[in-house]
Amino acid sequence: MDLKFPLEIDSAGRLVTVDSHDETKQLIYICLNTHQGDWDFDVTYGIPWMALMSTKPVDLGAWRGAIVQQLSQINGVDSIDELTVEETANRNGLVSGSVTSSGVSIAIEG
């Protein structure tokens, strides 16, 4: 499963149940694409993208810190092995790297 398209949907449009490393990939993808405060059941979940993007110049260290904090809390992520955070020309965040889950390296791209 490629992290760029982590959610598996069947032909009827239902979410396919996954486990193990595929589940960890989905959790990472969801976390990185959730704005902190958007999920009513846990307003601390996700990345505070709006606050991070509102500073000029962008503080990539703060971006990285927020991402590391959230990735560290995901079930299945044992360690964050590599993490690169960049700002694109149109002010989007680009995150890449890898984490280890039960001895398996999982790539992060997006």
Protein backbone atom coordinates (compact mmCIF):
# COMPACT_ATOMS: atom_id res chain seq x y z
CA MET A 1 0.00 0.00 0.00
CA ASP A 2 1.42 3.37 -1.02
CA LEU A 3 1.10 6.07 1.62
CA LYS A 4 -0.14 8.57 -0.97
CA PHE A 5 -3.33 6.49 -1.34
CA PRO A 6 -3.59 4.75 2.04
CA LEU A 7 -7.30 4.18 2.34
CA GLU A 8 -8.52 1.07 0.59
CA ILE A 9 -12.05 1.26 -0.79
CA ASP A 10 -13.90 -1.74 -2.24
CA SER A 11 -16.05 -1.67 -5.39
CA ALA A 12 -19.14 -0.82 -3.29
CA GLY A 13 -17.41 2.26 -1.86
CA ARG A 14 -16.87 0.77 1.60
CA LEU A 15 -13.66 1.18 3.57
CA VAL A 16 -11.66 -2.06 3.58
CA THR A 17 -10.46 -3.24 6.98
CA VAL A 18 -6.68 -3.38 7.23
CA ASP A 19 -4.29 -4.38 9.98
CA SER A 20 -0.64 -4.40 10.98
CA HIS A 21 1.60 -2.11 8.92
CA ASP A 22 -1.17 -1.06 6.53
CA GLU A 23 -3.14 0.19 9.52
CA THR A 24 -0.11 2.15 10.75
CA LYS A 25 0.26 3.71 7.29
CA GLN A 26 -3.38 4.78 7.36
CA LEU A 27 -3.04 6.26 10.84
CA ILE A 28 0.01 8.27 9.76
CA TYR A 29 -1.76 9.56 6.66
CA ILE A 30 -4.87 10.52 8.60
CA CYS A 31 -2.84 12.25 11.30
CA LEU A 32 -0.79 14.30 8.84
CA ASN A 33 -3.93 15.33 6.94
CA THR A 34 -6.02 16.27 9.97
CA HIS A 35 -5.99 19.85 11.22
CA GLN A 36 -5.72 19.95 14.98
CA GLY A 37 -9.13 20.73 16.46
CA ASP A 38 -11.11 19.27 13.55
CA TRP A 39 -11.94 15.99 15.26
CA ASP A 40 -14.57 16.66 17.94
CA PHE A 41 -13.69 13.61 20.04
CA ASP A 42 -10.06 14.70 20.52
CA VAL A 43 -9.32 18.32 19.65
CA THR A 44 -5.59 17.72 20.32
CA TYR A 45 -5.36 15.16 17.47
CA GLY A 46 -3.75 16.23 14.21
CA ILE A 47 -1.28 18.89 13.14
CA PRO A 48 -1.95 22.58 13.94
CA TRP A 49 -1.36 23.49 10.30
CA MET A 50 -3.17 26.85 10.41
CA ALA A 51 -1.05 28.12 13.30
CA LEU A 52 2.15 26.72 11.78
CA MET A 53 1.47 28.23 8.35
CA SER A 54 0.54 31.66 9.71
CA THR A 55 4.10 32.71 10.55
CA LYS A 56 6.38 34.38 8.04
CA PRO A 57 8.93 33.15 7.44
CA VAL A 58 7.67 29.64 8.09
CA ASP A 59 9.32 27.96 11.08
CA LEU A 60 10.21 24.51 9.71
CA GLY A 61 11.53 23.51 13.13
CA ALA A 62 8.08 24.11 14.64
CA TRP A 63 6.50 22.11 11.80
CA ARG A 64 8.88 19.24 12.45
CA GLY A 65 8.28 19.37 16.21
CA ALA A 66 4.50 19.24 15.80
CA ILE A 67 4.75 16.34 13.35
CA VAL A 68 7.14 14.36 15.58
CA GLN A 69 4.85 14.92 18.57
CA GLN A 70 1.82 13.53 16.72
CA LEU A 71 3.64 10.64 15.00
CA SER A 72 5.08 9.55 18.36
CA GLN A 73 1.55 9.05 19.70
CA ILE A 74 0.35 6.75 16.89
CA ASN A 75 -0.14 3.11 17.86
CA GLY A 76 2.30 1.03 15.86
CA VAL A 77 4.98 3.71 15.45
CA ASP A 78 7.97 2.48 17.43
CA SER A 79 10.46 5.07 16.22
CA ILE A 80 10.78 7.94 13.78
CA ASP A 81 13.88 7.14 11.77
CA GLU A 82 13.97 9.98 9.29
CA LEU A 83 11.83 13.08 8.82
CA THR A 84 12.18 15.88 6.30
CA VAL A 85 9.80 18.82 6.30
CA GLU A 86 9.73 21.37 3.50
CA GLU A 87 7.55 24.25 2.39
CA THR A 88 6.52 24.23 -1.26
CA ALA A 89 6.29 27.34 -3.45
CA ASN A 90 2.52 27.53 -2.84
CA ARG A 91 2.96 27.29 0.98
CA ASN A 92 2.04 23.63 1.36
CA GLY A 93 3.89 21.35 3.72
CA LEU A 94 5.81 18.46 2.19
CA VAL A 95 6.68 15.66 4.62
CA SER A 96 8.88 12.66 3.88
CA GLY A 97 10.84 10.14 5.88
CA SER A 98 10.30 6.82 7.57
CA VAL A 99 9.14 5.24 10.80
CA THR A 100 9.66 1.78 12.23
CA SER A 101 6.71 -0.39 13.21
CA SER A 102 7.44 -3.81 14.74
CA GLY A 103 10.82 -3.91 13.00
CA VAL A 104 9.45 -2.90 9.59
CA SER A 105 10.36 0.41 7.98
CA ILE A 106 7.38 2.40 6.69
CA ALA A 107 7.97 5.25 4.24
CA ILE A 108 6.23 8.59 4.72
CA GLU A 109 5.57 10.66 1.61
CA GLY A 110 3.11 13.43 1.18
